[in-house]
Amino acid sequence: MHEVLSQIVRWWEAGERFGLATVVGTFRSAPRPPGASMAVFGEEVAGSVSGGCVEGAVYDLAQRVVAGGGPVLQRYGVSDDDAFSVGLTCGGVIDVFVEPVSREEYPELGEVAASIERREPVAVATIISGSGSIGSGSIGSGSIGSGSIGSGSIGSRRVVRAGPASGTLGSSRLDDAVDDDARGMLAQGVTGVRRYGAEGERRLEDLQIFVQSFAPAPRMLVFGAIDFAVAVSRIGKFLGYHVVVCDARPVFATRRRFPEADEVVVRWPHDYLSTTVVDERTAICVLTHDPRFDVPLLEVALRTPAAYVGAMGSRHTHEDRLRRLREAGVTEAELARLRSPIGLDLGARTPEETALSIAAELVQLRWGGSGRPLTETTGRIHGEEPDGRA
C-alpha cells in the first residue's frame, strides 16, 4: 500500500469513498508481491496489482464494490489464448482483496498513515475470507461478500503497533492471537495470510486474515565516503533502503557529496556501527579501502545479525584483510559471512557499474536467484518468496 498511500489519504481526508485492491496471496510467477495495492476513485487509478495483466478487471470490480457491494476476494490465474480473456500471461496466480474505503469504513486509516510517516512499525490485520471460499474463474466467480464468518465480518480489521492495538476482528481471543502473530511479523517485516479458528485457534482454518506489515525501510550502512559510495548510496535509495553514509573524515562525509543519503555521519566507522541499530534486514557495505578503518569495522560487522556484509577491494586486499581479521580473533564461521570482493561478477569498472553489481548481489541474496542470464535458465523466473518479507 506504500505506493498509493499518499493518494488514498487525500481521498479519505476529503470524505470520499473509493475502492482499494490489495494482493494478499501469490503463487508461481506472480508479478507483484503481497501488499501491492491499486486504488480506484471514479475514473482515477493509483498503483498496480499485476503490472497491467488484470488491472482492467480489478478496476471494474472495484467500481462495483464501491457502488454498493461488500468486500470481495478474487483469484486471477493464467489467461488463455483469447486476447480478451482475463488472467496473468506470466503463468502466475494472485489473490486480490477488494474493499470499499471511507472514513466510516476505515476510521483507522489516518493513524496508520501517520505511523508510516513517522517510521513507526504498524500492522493492519484484515479478515479476507473463510477457508475454501476463493474462486478461480472469471470475475465474480468464487468471490465473497460482506456477511459474517465465525466471529467477525469480511473486512473487519485490527491495527497493531507497539502500544495498544485498535479495532476488533470480532472476539477478544481472536484479537489476542492475531496481535501476537502480527507483532512477530512486524519484527521481521513480513506480510502474509494467517489462518485461525473463530476464537483464535491456530490449529483451525475457519478464517483467513491478511496481515500487512508496514515496517521502517531496511537500512543500508555505507562506510567510506568515496566516489563509489556516492553511487552505492544512490542505488540503495532506489532499492528502498534508508541509507546512512559514515566516514571519519569530515572533508569527505558531507551532505553536498551525498544528497541522496538519508544520513551522513562523521565518526570512526567501527564506533558508529557499535552504537547504531543493526537487524536481520540491514546491508553493510564497507568501501573504506584502508585496514585502519575496515579491519576494526568488519570485526564489529561480522558479529551483527546484518543480512549482508560486503567489503570492497582486490583479491590481494581481500586475502590481506582475512589475515588481519584472523589475527584479531574473528572466527572462520564469522569470516564465511563476508562477501568480498563485494558485488556480483558483472565486469563492472565505474562507480555506477560497481554499485549496480552490489545491488545485484543484494537482490540475489534476498530472493535466491542464480545470478546467471535468464536465457540460460529454465523454470519460473520468479522463485518462491523465502519468507514474505516486505
Foldseek 3Di string as FASTA:
>chain_A
DVQCLVVVVVCQVVQHKWKKKFWFDKFFQAQDAGGFIWIDDPPDITTDRGVPQAVVVVNVVRVVQSVPFAKKKEKAADFDPPPPTHHHPQGMMTIMIMGMDYCVLCVCSVVVSVCLVVQFKKKKKFWAAFPPQYDYDGPPVSMDTFDDFQQATGGFMWMEGPDDIDGDRGDPQLVVLVNVVLVVCQVQQFWHWAAAHSRRHRVDRGIIMTMHISHGAAAEEEEALDPLVLLLLVVCVVVGHQYEYEYQDPVRQDCVSRVSHNYGYRDQQLVVLVPDDAAQAYEYEYEHPDCVRPLSNLLSVLPHNYVAAEYADDPVVVVVSVVSNVVVPDDPVSVVRYHPPAFDPPVDDDSNSRSVRNVVVSVCSQQVDPPDPPVPDDGGPRDDRPGRRD
